Structures are given as structure tokens and as C-alpha cells.
Protein backbone atom coordinates (compact mmCIF):
# COMPACT_ATOMS: atom_id res chain seq x y z
CA UNK A 1 -0.12 -0.06 -0.24
CA UNK A 2 1.26 3.61 -0.74
CA UNK A 3 2.49 6.16 1.70
CA UNK A 4 -0.03 8.47 1.40
CA UNK A 5 -2.79 5.88 1.57
CA UNK A 6 -1.36 4.70 5.15
CA UNK A 7 -1.05 8.41 5.96
CA UNK A 8 -4.79 8.73 5.44
CA UNK A 9 -5.74 5.82 7.27
CA UNK A 10 -3.66 7.00 10.48
CA UNK A 11 -5.41 10.61 9.94
CA UNK A 12 -8.73 9.12 10.10
CA UNK A 13 -7.86 6.88 13.12
CA UNK A 14 -6.49 9.72 15.15
CA UNK A 15 -10.14 11.70 14.03
CA UNK A 16 -12.49 9.52 14.73
CA UNK A 17 -10.59 8.05 17.68
CA UNK A 18 -11.31 4.34 16.87
CA UNK A 19 -9.99 1.27 14.72
CA UNK A 20 -13.11 -0.05 14.38
CA UNK A 21 -15.01 3.40 13.13
CA UNK A 22 -12.57 3.65 9.85
CA UNK A 23 -13.05 -0.53 9.19
CA UNK A 24 -16.63 0.78 8.76
CA UNK A 25 -16.09 3.72 7.08
CA UNK A 26 -13.67 1.89 4.63
CA UNK A 27 -15.87 -1.45 5.03
CA UNK A 28 -12.93 -3.67 6.09
CA UNK A 29 -11.45 -4.94 9.61
CA UNK A 30 -10.38 -3.62 12.61
CA UNK A 31 -7.23 -5.56 12.36
CA UNK A 32 -6.45 -4.59 8.06
CA UNK A 33 -6.58 -0.88 9.81
CA UNK A 34 -4.14 -1.68 12.62
CA UNK A 35 -1.82 -3.50 10.34
CA UNK A 36 -1.92 0.10 7.82
CA UNK A 37 -0.41 1.88 11.06
CA UNK A 38 1.60 -0.44 12.12
CA UNK A 39 2.80 -0.52 8.56
CA UNK A 40 3.41 3.40 8.49
CA UNK A 41 5.46 3.00 11.92
CA UNK A 42 7.48 0.47 10.37
CA UNK A 43 8.44 2.67 7.49
CA UNK A 44 9.05 5.43 9.55
CA UNK A 45 10.81 3.76 12.39
CA UNK A 46 8.77 5.05 15.17
CA UNK A 47 5.86 4.51 17.16
CA UNK A 48 2.95 6.65 16.68
CA UNK A 49 0.38 4.91 18.97
CA UNK A 50 0.04 3.50 22.49
CA UNK A 51 -2.45 1.27 22.31
CA UNK A 52 -4.93 -0.50 24.84
CA UNK A 53 -7.96 -2.99 24.77
CA UNK A 54 -10.21 -0.24 24.19
CA UNK A 55 -8.73 2.83 23.26
CA UNK A 56 -5.46 4.56 22.03
CA UNK A 57 -3.29 7.60 21.84
CA UNK A 58 -0.64 9.30 20.37
CA UNK A 59 3.03 9.40 21.03
CA UNK A 60 4.87 12.47 20.99
CA UNK A 61 6.52 11.80 17.37
CA UNK A 62 2.44 10.27 16.69
CA UNK A 63 1.30 14.07 17.70
CA UNK A 64 4.02 15.76 15.20
CA UNK A 65 3.69 13.15 12.28
CA UNK A 66 0.06 13.85 12.72
CA UNK A 67 -0.04 17.42 12.32
CA UNK A 68 2.71 16.98 9.34
CA UNK A 69 0.12 14.63 7.56
CA UNK A 70 -2.73 16.70 8.04
CA UNK A 71 -1.03 19.57 6.33
CA UNK A 72 -0.01 17.39 3.43
CA UNK A 73 -3.45 15.76 3.15
CA UNK A 74 -5.30 19.12 2.94
CA UNK A 75 -2.74 20.68 1.05
CA UNK A 76 -3.38 17.64 -1.78
CA UNK A 77 -6.78 18.17 -1.46
CA UNK A 78 -6.91 21.92 -2.11
CA UNK A 79 -4.51 21.43 -5.10
CA UNK A 80 -6.56 18.59 -6.52
CA UNK A 81 -9.63 20.90 -6.50
CA UNK A 82 -7.74 23.77 -7.62
CA UNK A 83 -6.45 21.91 -10.51
CA UNK A 84 -9.60 20.13 -11.91
CA UNK A 85 -12.34 22.96 -11.28
CA UNK A 86 -12.22 26.54 -11.74
CA UNK A 87 -13.39 28.55 -8.96
CA UNK A 88 -17.05 28.97 -9.79
CA UNK A 89 -17.32 25.34 -10.45
CA UNK A 90 -15.96 24.11 -6.53
CA UNK A 91 -16.89 20.52 -6.09
CA UNK A 92 -17.60 17.68 -3.74
CA UNK A 93 -19.49 16.74 -0.48
CA UNK A 94 -19.25 19.25 2.42
CA UNK A 95 -20.26 18.04 5.86
CA UNK A 96 -22.02 21.06 7.80
CA UNK A 97 -23.52 21.14 11.47
CA UNK A 98 -25.99 23.92 12.75
CA UNK A 99 -28.89 24.17 15.49
CA UNK A 100 -31.63 22.78 14.23
CA UNK A 101 -33.97 25.96 13.96
CA UNK A 102 -31.12 27.72 12.72
CA UNK A 103 -30.60 25.18 10.26
CA UNK A 104 -34.23 25.34 8.82
CA UNK A 105 -34.71 28.76 8.84
CA UNK A 106 -31.60 30.41 7.89
CA UNK A 107 -29.16 27.50 5.81
CA UNK A 108 -31.76 25.74 4.08
CA UNK A 109 -33.39 28.43 2.29
CA UNK A 110 -30.34 29.83 1.47
CA UNK A 111 -29.01 26.85 -0.21
CA UNK A 112 -30.53 27.41 -3.78
CA UNK A 113 -28.50 30.15 -4.22
CA UNK A 114 -25.24 28.75 -3.26
CA UNK A 115 -26.28 25.53 -5.35
CA UNK A 116 -27.07 28.12 -8.49
CA UNK A 117 -23.71 29.15 -8.20
CA UNK A 118 -21.58 26.18 -7.13
CA UNK A 119 -23.76 23.09 -8.93
CA UNK A 120 -21.24 20.28 -8.10
CA UNK A 121 -20.96 21.00 -4.41
CA UNK A 122 -22.85 18.48 -2.16
CA UNK A 123 -24.09 19.17 1.39
CA UNK A 124 -24.32 16.61 4.29
CA UNK A 125 -26.40 18.85 6.83
CA UNK A 126 -26.40 17.65 10.32
CA UNK A 127 -28.79 19.98 12.43
CA UNK A 128 -28.52 18.91 16.16
CA UNK A 129 -28.68 21.76 19.10
CA UNK A 130 -26.43 19.94 20.82
CA UNK A 131 -22.78 20.63 20.22
CA UNK A 132 -21.12 18.36 17.53
CA UNK A 133 -17.24 16.99 17.71
CA UNK A 134 -16.06 18.18 14.35
CA UNK A 135 -13.34 15.74 14.34
CA UNK A 136 -15.30 12.48 15.74
CA UNK A 137 -18.37 13.32 13.27
CA UNK A 138 -15.94 14.34 10.58
CA UNK A 139 -17.75 17.62 10.19
CA UNK A 140 -16.30 20.38 7.91
CA UNK A 141 -17.71 23.22 9.28
CA UNK A 142 -20.20 24.43 12.04
CA UNK A 143 -22.33 27.43 12.87
CA UNK A 144 -22.49 28.19 16.52
CA UNK A 145 -24.01 30.51 18.54
CA UNK A 146 -22.94 31.92 21.85
CA UNK A 147 -19.53 32.27 23.36
CA UNK A 148 -17.06 29.52 21.97
CA UNK A 149 -15.96 27.26 24.76
CA UNK A 150 -13.72 25.18 22.78
CA UNK A 151 -10.43 27.77 22.48
CA UNK A 152 -8.61 24.74 19.62
CA UNK A 153 -11.19 25.37 17.05
CA UNK A 154 -10.75 27.71 14.30
CA UNK A 155 -13.35 30.41 14.17
CA UNK A 156 -15.10 33.22 12.15
CA UNK A 157 -17.44 35.77 13.51
CA UNK A 158 -20.46 35.92 10.32
CA UNK A 159 -23.06 37.36 12.30
CA UNK A 160 -25.00 38.38 15.78
CA UNK A 161 -28.12 36.66 17.30
CA UNK A 162 -30.20 39.04 18.63
CA UNK A 163 -32.49 38.29 22.06
CA UNK A 164 -35.56 39.52 23.02
CA UNK A 165 -38.28 38.67 25.51
CA UNK A 166 -41.14 36.85 23.87
CA UNK A 167 -44.65 36.09 24.90
CA UNK A 168 -47.86 35.15 23.06
CA UNK A 169 -50.96 37.40 23.29
CA UNK A 170 -52.96 34.63 24.52
CA UNK A 171 -50.43 34.34 27.59
CA UNK A 172 -50.33 38.12 28.25
CA UNK A 173 -54.19 38.50 28.37
CA UNK A 174 -54.57 35.16 30.93
CA UNK A 175 -51.46 36.47 33.31
CA UNK A 176 -50.97 40.21 32.64
CA UNK A 177 -47.53 41.53 30.99
CA UNK A 178 -44.52 42.06 33.30
CA UNK A 179 -43.17 45.51 33.74
CA UNK A 180 -40.12 44.81 34.81
CA UNK A 181 -37.71 41.98 34.71
CA UNK A 182 -38.42 41.17 38.57
CA UNK A 183 -41.40 40.13 37.77
CA UNK A 184 -40.61 37.41 35.99
CA UNK A 185 -40.64 35.63 39.71
CA UNK A 186 -44.52 35.70 39.03
CA UNK A 187 -45.12 34.09 35.69
CA UNK A 188 -44.55 30.86 33.65
CA UNK A 189 -41.16 30.25 31.88
CA UNK A 190 -40.47 28.61 29.05
CA UNK A 191 -37.19 27.46 29.11
CA UNK A 192 -34.48 26.08 26.91
CA UNK A 193 -32.37 23.71 28.66
CA UNK A 194 -28.58 25.23 26.97
CA UNK A 195 -29.54 28.20 28.17
CA UNK A 196 -30.85 27.95 32.14
CA UNK A 197 -33.02 29.93 34.04
CA UNK A 198 -30.79 33.13 34.92
CA UNK A 199 -31.97 35.93 32.47
CA UNK A 200 -29.70 38.62 32.27
CA UNK A 201 -30.75 42.27 31.01
CA UNK A 202 -29.13 45.56 30.88
CA UNK A 203 -31.22 48.71 32.09
CA UNK A 204 -32.05 52.24 31.10
CA UNK A 205 -28.95 53.18 33.42
CA UNK A 206 -26.59 51.06 31.82
CA UNK A 207 -26.79 48.35 34.88
CA UNK A 208 -27.20 44.46 34.76
CA UNK A 209 -30.30 43.19 35.80
CA UNK A 210 -30.08 39.30 36.12
CA UNK A 211 -33.74 37.28 37.52
CA UNK A 212 -34.01 33.10 38.19
CA UNK A 213 -37.07 32.54 36.59
CA UNK A 214 -39.24 29.03 37.38
CA UNK A 215 -39.79 26.59 33.94
CA UNK A 216 -43.19 25.93 33.53
CA UNK A 217 -42.01 24.08 30.40
CA UNK A 218 -38.15 23.42 28.87
CA UNK A 219 -36.79 21.38 26.08
CA UNK A 220 -33.51 20.43 24.47
CA UNK A 221 -34.57 22.16 21.52
CA UNK A 222 -35.16 25.37 20.61
CA UNK A 223 -38.15 24.26 18.22
CA UNK A 224 -39.97 22.67 21.16
CA UNK A 225 -39.85 26.01 23.33
CA UNK A 226 -40.87 28.04 20.23
CA UNK A 227 -43.79 26.13 20.11
CA UNK A 228 -44.68 26.36 23.58
CA UNK A 229 -44.28 29.87 23.69
CA UNK A 230 -46.68 30.23 20.60
CA UNK A 231 -48.95 28.16 22.53
CA UNK A 232 -49.30 30.44 25.37
CA UNK A 233 -47.48 28.21 27.52
CA UNK A 234 -45.16 30.99 28.84
CA UNK A 235 -42.32 33.38 28.46
CA UNK A 236 -39.14 32.61 26.61
CA UNK A 237 -36.11 34.90 26.73
CA UNK A 238 -34.66 33.84 23.33
CA UNK A 239 -32.74 34.54 19.98
CA UNK A 240 -35.67 36.28 17.72
CA UNK A 241 -34.40 34.86 14.20
CA UNK A 242 -36.05 31.69 15.80
CA UNK A 243 -39.35 34.00 16.00
CA UNK A 244 -38.99 36.16 12.97
CA UNK A 245 -42.27 35.05 11.35
CA UNK A 246 -44.31 34.36 14.51
CA UNK A 247 -43.47 38.39 16.05
CA UNK A 248 -44.51 39.50 12.38
CA UNK A 249 -47.48 37.71 12.45
CA UNK A 250 -48.52 38.47 15.54
CA UNK A 251 -48.35 34.92 17.54
CA UNK A 252 -45.65 36.05 19.72
CA UNK A 253 -44.48 39.86 20.97
CA UNK A 254 -41.69 41.36 22.20
CA UNK A 255 -42.34 42.38 26.36
CA UNK A 256 -39.94 44.36 28.61
CA UNK A 257 -38.44 46.11 25.72
CA UNK A 258 -37.15 49.04 27.77
CA UNK A 259 -34.29 46.36 28.66
CA UNK A 260 -31.47 45.02 26.38
CA UNK A 261 -30.37 41.82 26.36
CA UNK A 262 -26.84 41.03 25.59
CA UNK A 263 -26.66 39.40 21.95
CA UNK A 264 -24.32 36.44 21.00
CA UNK A 265 -22.18 36.02 18.46
CA UNK A 266 -22.91 33.57 15.48
CA UNK A 267 -19.73 32.36 14.63
CA UNK A 268 -18.55 29.15 11.69
CA UNK A 269 -16.35 27.05 13.32
CA UNK A 270 -13.44 24.46 11.80
CA UNK A 271 -11.42 21.14 12.36
CA UNK A 272 -8.40 22.48 14.26
CA UNK A 273 -4.96 22.08 12.91
CA UNK A 274 -6.46 22.23 9.49
CA UNK A 275 -6.90 25.42 7.19
CA UNK A 276 -10.50 25.70 5.57
CA UNK A 277 -10.37 24.29 2.11
CA UNK A 278 -11.72 26.18 -1.20
CA UNK A 279 -15.25 24.67 -1.10
CA UNK A 280 -15.33 25.49 2.83
CA UNK A 281 -14.45 28.96 2.24
CA UNK A 282 -16.83 28.91 -0.71
CA UNK A 283 -19.58 28.01 1.45
CA UNK A 284 -18.72 30.53 4.91
CA UNK A 285 -18.29 33.14 2.39
CA UNK A 286 -21.90 32.82 0.36
CA UNK A 287 -23.33 32.78 4.22
CA UNK A 288 -21.76 35.77 5.47
CA UNK A 289 -22.60 37.56 2.51
CA UNK A 290 -26.27 36.51 2.92
CA UNK A 291 -26.41 37.16 6.77
CA UNK A 292 -24.82 40.43 6.19
CA UNK A 293 -28.49 41.37 4.60
CA UNK A 294 -30.45 40.02 6.94
CA UNK A 295 -31.48 42.54 9.83
CA UNK A 296 -32.41 39.46 12.09
CA UNK A 297 -28.44 38.00 12.67
CA UNK A 298 -26.19 40.46 10.59
CA UNK A 299 -23.21 41.56 12.23
CA UNK A 300 -23.62 44.55 14.49
CA UNK A 301 -20.92 47.14 13.76
CA UNK A 302 -18.94 48.63 16.68
CA UNK A 303 -20.62 50.82 18.71
CA UNK A 304 -24.25 49.92 17.54
CA UNK A 305 -27.26 49.59 19.33
CA UNK A 306 -27.42 46.31 21.16
CA UNK A 307 -23.42 45.92 22.17
């Protein structure tokens, strides 16, 4: 087997964390994948992985070799694309991860224009409100709302998630409208599990106000919390892009508008130790340009309202 093929196998073992996962991808046996790595170690005269019965870890030499291999493979992949296709004809599969509601509302509707420009591209869109491990899942690029917790990821800011406190007119008619964040303690609230029950506001005097609320209903998906608010189950502290049509059509309306809610950054993130490929750059640039025209998620200018 040629050395390039061995390098590709070794990198996938490192990135997936599993010999068996790579064996399934390549429709072969775990033993065969192990022999490929052993053959590479023999060629190099160095041990790359320390194996145990259930896991493996990189040696110091293995970590260095992985980083160099990744650079080589990425460079070769970019060269292949540049040689075979002009920039307007970028092709291939791109694996993309995004929160469920964001993907449905803001990615899928913009894919038609993307495909018209890059008809040879294929998109595998994974929608999940939980953070996906890019390396383990083989994801090329992910949309992330909120502050980034993983400093290893390479990130690009492409938008802003503005937030509001929202309720259905039916709920407000039955329970009254809160006039101050502290009034929320007397109301039913709807929580997205990933946000928690402490809501922060900024008053007209620029002082922060933090209140702890009780959840009548909570869910780990923003789609479910949105539906609950529209059904009048309670009040939500949420990004406005989830409720764009609901606000315009009167199913919900913002309340406590005297108080500002800190916005959240919208980033795209890439795998660590990898430079974005041409197809990744084409995809990200397409959505960055589109989001710049969308008032719900356009990046905020320095010193602009809501910062």
C-alpha cells in the first residue's frame, strides 16, 4: 500500500478515535486498519500510537507526524480542487453542522442560491442543538451561536444573534404583562435547556439585572420551546431569529423592551489544525454575504445598538 494511503488511514484513526470506526468507513476489518498503521510505523521507524484494549493515544512522535500529515493531505486536497475545477465550479461533499432551528430557517432556504453558483457541490447538513464534535463526526464546518468554549477551534464571526423576551398575546391576556424583569418570578417561563434559568438584562442606566426564573416547560430543542411559547405556555428569553415570522404575524410579541438583552455572536468554526479548503471558504463566504443582508442576524457594527 502506498504511503499516502497509509497517511490518510492514520489521520482518520486519530480523528475518529477508533480503529473500528475507520474500518466501517472503509468497509474492511479492524485488524486491517491496525496493520496499515503498523506498516506506517515500520516505514518511519517510530511508534505513533500507544494502544490499549479499548482506546489509543498519540505518542509525541505520533502527534508531530499527525499534524504534518494533516497539512500535507489538506494541501493535496486543495491542489486537486484547484487543478480540476475553476473557482466557480468548486465541487465535492461538505459536511455541515448547525442548531436545528437555525438550519431550517437560515441555512436550507439559502442553499438554492448556493447550488446555482456551485452546482457540483453536495451538502450533508447535520441539525442538532447539542454541540457536535467536529473531528469525531467528520464535520467540515459548524455554525455556533454563543461564546465559544473550545479554544482549539478556528472560528470566524459572521453574524449576531439578537435576543428578546417573548410571549403570546393569549398568555399575556390571561396572566398580565410583566413591567420589570423581577416580575418574571410571578410568571410561567419556557426554557431552552442550554440557556439555563438565569436571565440577564441591561437597564436604561446601563446596569445589569439578572433574575432567576421558574420553568413551567423546558426542552433541549429550540423548536419545542418556540412552539410552547406560541401555544401560550409561558414567556421565553430567546434569539429573535427563531421567532421572525411569529413576531411579524402577531403570534408572539416582544415584552420588557425597555431593557436590553446582550446579543450572542454567531460563528462558523472549523476543525483544529486544518486550514479551510476552497469549498469550505466558498460555503462560508456565501452565508456571510447573505447574513450581512438579514436584519435579524447581520453582524453589529462597533458601537451599534445592542452591543
